[in-house]
Amino acid sequence: MVQTKKIAVYVVAVFVLYTIITSPKRAADFVQIGFEGVSSAAHGVGEFMTQLIQ
């Protein structure tokens, strides 16, 4: 199980590096989408906690 996890991490790392090297603009778009998703999730949790307290 641990060996499979290591292989999966290496495959993902190689894919990320390949994407960055071959298409930096697309990789930047992926990063922006990721940060927007995290930001939206944090905003949603904040709104939920505010409503919960009130």
N, C-alpha and C. Protein backbone atom coordinates (compact mmCIF):
# COMPACT_ATOMS: atom_id res chain seq x y z
N MET A 1 0.83 -1.20 0.00
CA MET A 1 0.00 0.00 0.00
C MET A 1 0.87 1.26 0.00
N VAL A 2 1.90 1.26 0.82
CA VAL A 2 2.79 2.42 0.89
C VAL A 2 3.53 2.59 -0.43
N GLN A 3 3.95 1.47 -1.03
CA GLN A 3 4.65 1.53 -2.31
C GLN A 3 3.76 2.14 -3.40
N THR A 4 2.49 1.77 -3.41
CA THR A 4 1.55 2.30 -4.39
C THR A 4 1.37 3.80 -4.20
N LYS A 5 1.31 4.23 -2.95
CA LYS A 5 1.17 5.66 -2.66
C LYS A 5 2.39 6.44 -3.16
N LYS A 6 3.58 5.90 -2.95
CA LYS A 6 4.80 6.56 -3.43
C LYS A 6 4.79 6.69 -4.95
N ILE A 7 4.39 5.63 -5.61
CA ILE A 7 4.35 5.65 -7.08
C ILE A 7 3.35 6.68 -7.56
N ALA A 8 2.19 6.76 -6.91
CA ALA A 8 1.17 7.73 -7.30
C ALA A 8 1.69 9.16 -7.12
N VAL A 9 2.39 9.42 -6.03
CA VAL A 9 2.95 10.75 -5.78
C VAL A 9 3.98 11.10 -6.86
N TYR A 10 4.83 10.14 -7.23
CA TYR A 10 5.83 10.39 -8.27
C TYR A 10 5.17 10.66 -9.62
N VAL A 11 4.13 9.91 -9.94
CA VAL A 11 3.42 10.11 -11.21
C VAL A 11 2.79 11.50 -11.25
N VAL A 12 2.17 11.91 -10.16
CA VAL A 12 1.56 13.25 -10.11
C VAL A 12 2.64 14.32 -10.23
N ALA A 13 3.77 14.13 -9.55
CA ALA A 13 4.86 15.11 -9.61
C ALA A 13 5.40 15.23 -11.04
N VAL A 14 5.57 14.12 -11.71
CA VAL A 14 6.06 14.14 -13.10
C VAL A 14 5.04 14.84 -13.99
N PHE A 15 3.75 14.56 -13.80
CA PHE A 15 2.72 15.21 -14.59
C PHE A 15 2.74 16.72 -14.39
N VAL A 16 2.87 17.15 -13.14
CA VAL A 16 2.90 18.59 -12.84
C VAL A 16 4.11 19.24 -13.50
N LEU A 17 5.27 18.64 -13.36
CA LEU A 17 6.47 19.20 -14.00
C LEU A 17 6.34 19.22 -15.52
N TYR A 18 5.79 18.17 -16.10
CA TYR A 18 5.59 18.12 -17.55
C TYR A 18 4.65 19.24 -18.00
N THR A 19 3.56 19.45 -17.25
CA THR A 19 2.60 20.49 -17.60
C THR A 19 3.25 21.87 -17.51
N ILE A 20 4.02 22.10 -16.46
CA ILE A 20 4.68 23.40 -16.28
C ILE A 20 5.68 23.66 -17.41
N ILE A 21 6.44 22.65 -17.76
CA ILE A 21 7.48 22.83 -18.78
C ILE A 21 6.87 23.00 -20.17
N THR A 22 5.86 22.20 -20.51
CA THR A 22 5.33 22.24 -21.87
C THR A 22 4.33 23.38 -22.09
N SER A 23 3.62 23.78 -21.04
CA SER A 23 2.60 24.81 -21.20
C SER A 23 2.49 25.65 -19.93
N PRO A 24 3.39 26.60 -19.76
CA PRO A 24 3.38 27.38 -18.52
C PRO A 24 2.11 28.22 -18.35
N LYS A 25 1.54 28.71 -19.45
CA LYS A 25 0.32 29.51 -19.33
C LYS A 25 -0.84 28.67 -18.81
N ARG A 26 -0.97 27.47 -19.34
CA ARG A 26 -2.03 26.58 -18.87
C ARG A 26 -1.81 26.18 -17.42
N ALA A 27 -0.56 25.94 -17.04
CA ALA A 27 -0.25 25.60 -15.64
C ALA A 27 -0.63 26.76 -14.72
N ALA A 28 -0.36 27.98 -15.16
CA ALA A 28 -0.73 29.15 -14.35
C ALA A 28 -2.25 29.24 -14.21
N ASP A 29 -2.96 28.91 -15.27
CA ASP A 29 -4.43 28.90 -15.19
C ASP A 29 -4.92 27.87 -14.18
N PHE A 30 -4.28 26.68 -14.16
CA PHE A 30 -4.65 25.65 -13.19
C PHE A 30 -4.42 26.14 -11.76
N VAL A 31 -3.30 26.80 -11.54
CA VAL A 31 -2.99 27.31 -10.20
C VAL A 31 -4.01 28.37 -9.80
N GLN A 32 -4.35 29.25 -10.71
CA GLN A 32 -5.34 30.29 -10.42
C GLN A 32 -6.70 29.67 -10.08
N ILE A 33 -7.11 28.66 -10.84
CA ILE A 33 -8.37 27.98 -10.56
C ILE A 33 -8.33 27.34 -9.17
N GLY A 34 -7.21 26.73 -8.85
CA GLY A 34 -7.06 26.10 -7.53
C GLY A 34 -7.17 27.10 -6.40
N PHE A 35 -6.48 28.24 -6.54
CA PHE A 35 -6.54 29.26 -5.50
C PHE A 35 -7.94 29.86 -5.38
N GLU A 36 -8.60 30.04 -6.50
CA GLU A 36 -9.97 30.56 -6.45
C GLU A 36 -10.90 29.58 -5.73
N GLY A 37 -10.69 28.29 -5.97
CA GLY A 37 -11.49 27.27 -5.29
C GLY A 37 -11.26 27.27 -3.79
N VAL A 38 -10.00 27.36 -3.38
CA VAL A 38 -9.68 27.40 -1.96
C VAL A 38 -10.25 28.66 -1.32
N SER A 39 -10.14 29.78 -2.02
CA SER A 39 -10.67 31.04 -1.51
C SER A 39 -12.18 30.98 -1.35
N SER A 40 -12.86 30.42 -2.32
CA SER A 40 -14.32 30.29 -2.23
C SER A 40 -14.72 29.37 -1.08
N ALA A 41 -13.98 28.29 -0.90
CA ALA A 41 -14.29 27.37 0.19
C ALA A 41 -14.08 28.05 1.54
N ALA A 42 -13.00 28.79 1.69
CA ALA A 42 -12.74 29.50 2.94
C ALA A 42 -13.82 30.55 3.20
N HIS A 43 -14.24 31.24 2.16
CA HIS A 43 -15.31 32.24 2.30
C HIS A 43 -16.60 31.57 2.74
N GLY A 44 -16.92 30.43 2.15
CA GLY A 44 -18.12 29.69 2.52
C GLY A 44 -18.09 29.23 3.98
N VAL A 45 -16.93 28.74 4.42
CA VAL A 45 -16.80 28.32 5.81
C VAL A 45 -16.96 29.51 6.74
N GLY A 46 -16.39 30.64 6.37
CA GLY A 46 -16.53 31.85 7.17
C GLY A 46 -17.97 32.30 7.28
N GLU A 47 -18.68 32.28 6.16
CA GLU A 47 -20.10 32.64 6.17
C GLU A 47 -20.90 31.68 7.04
N PHE A 48 -20.59 30.39 6.94
CA PHE A 48 -21.30 29.39 7.73
C PHE A 48 -21.06 29.64 9.22
N MET A 49 -19.83 29.89 9.61
CA MET A 49 -19.52 30.12 11.02
C MET A 49 -20.18 31.40 11.51
N THR A 50 -20.22 32.43 10.67
CA THR A 50 -20.89 33.68 11.07
C THR A 50 -22.37 33.45 11.30
N GLN A 51 -23.01 32.72 10.41
CA GLN A 51 -24.43 32.43 10.56
C GLN A 51 -24.68 31.51 11.76
N LEU A 52 -23.76 30.62 12.04
CA LEU A 52 -23.89 29.71 13.16
C LEU A 52 -23.83 30.46 14.49
N ILE A 53 -22.97 31.45 14.56
CA ILE A 53 -22.81 32.23 15.80
C ILE A 53 -24.01 33.13 16.03
N GLN A 54 -24.59 33.68 14.99
CA GLN A 54 -25.70 34.61 15.14
C GLN A 54 -26.90 33.87 15.53
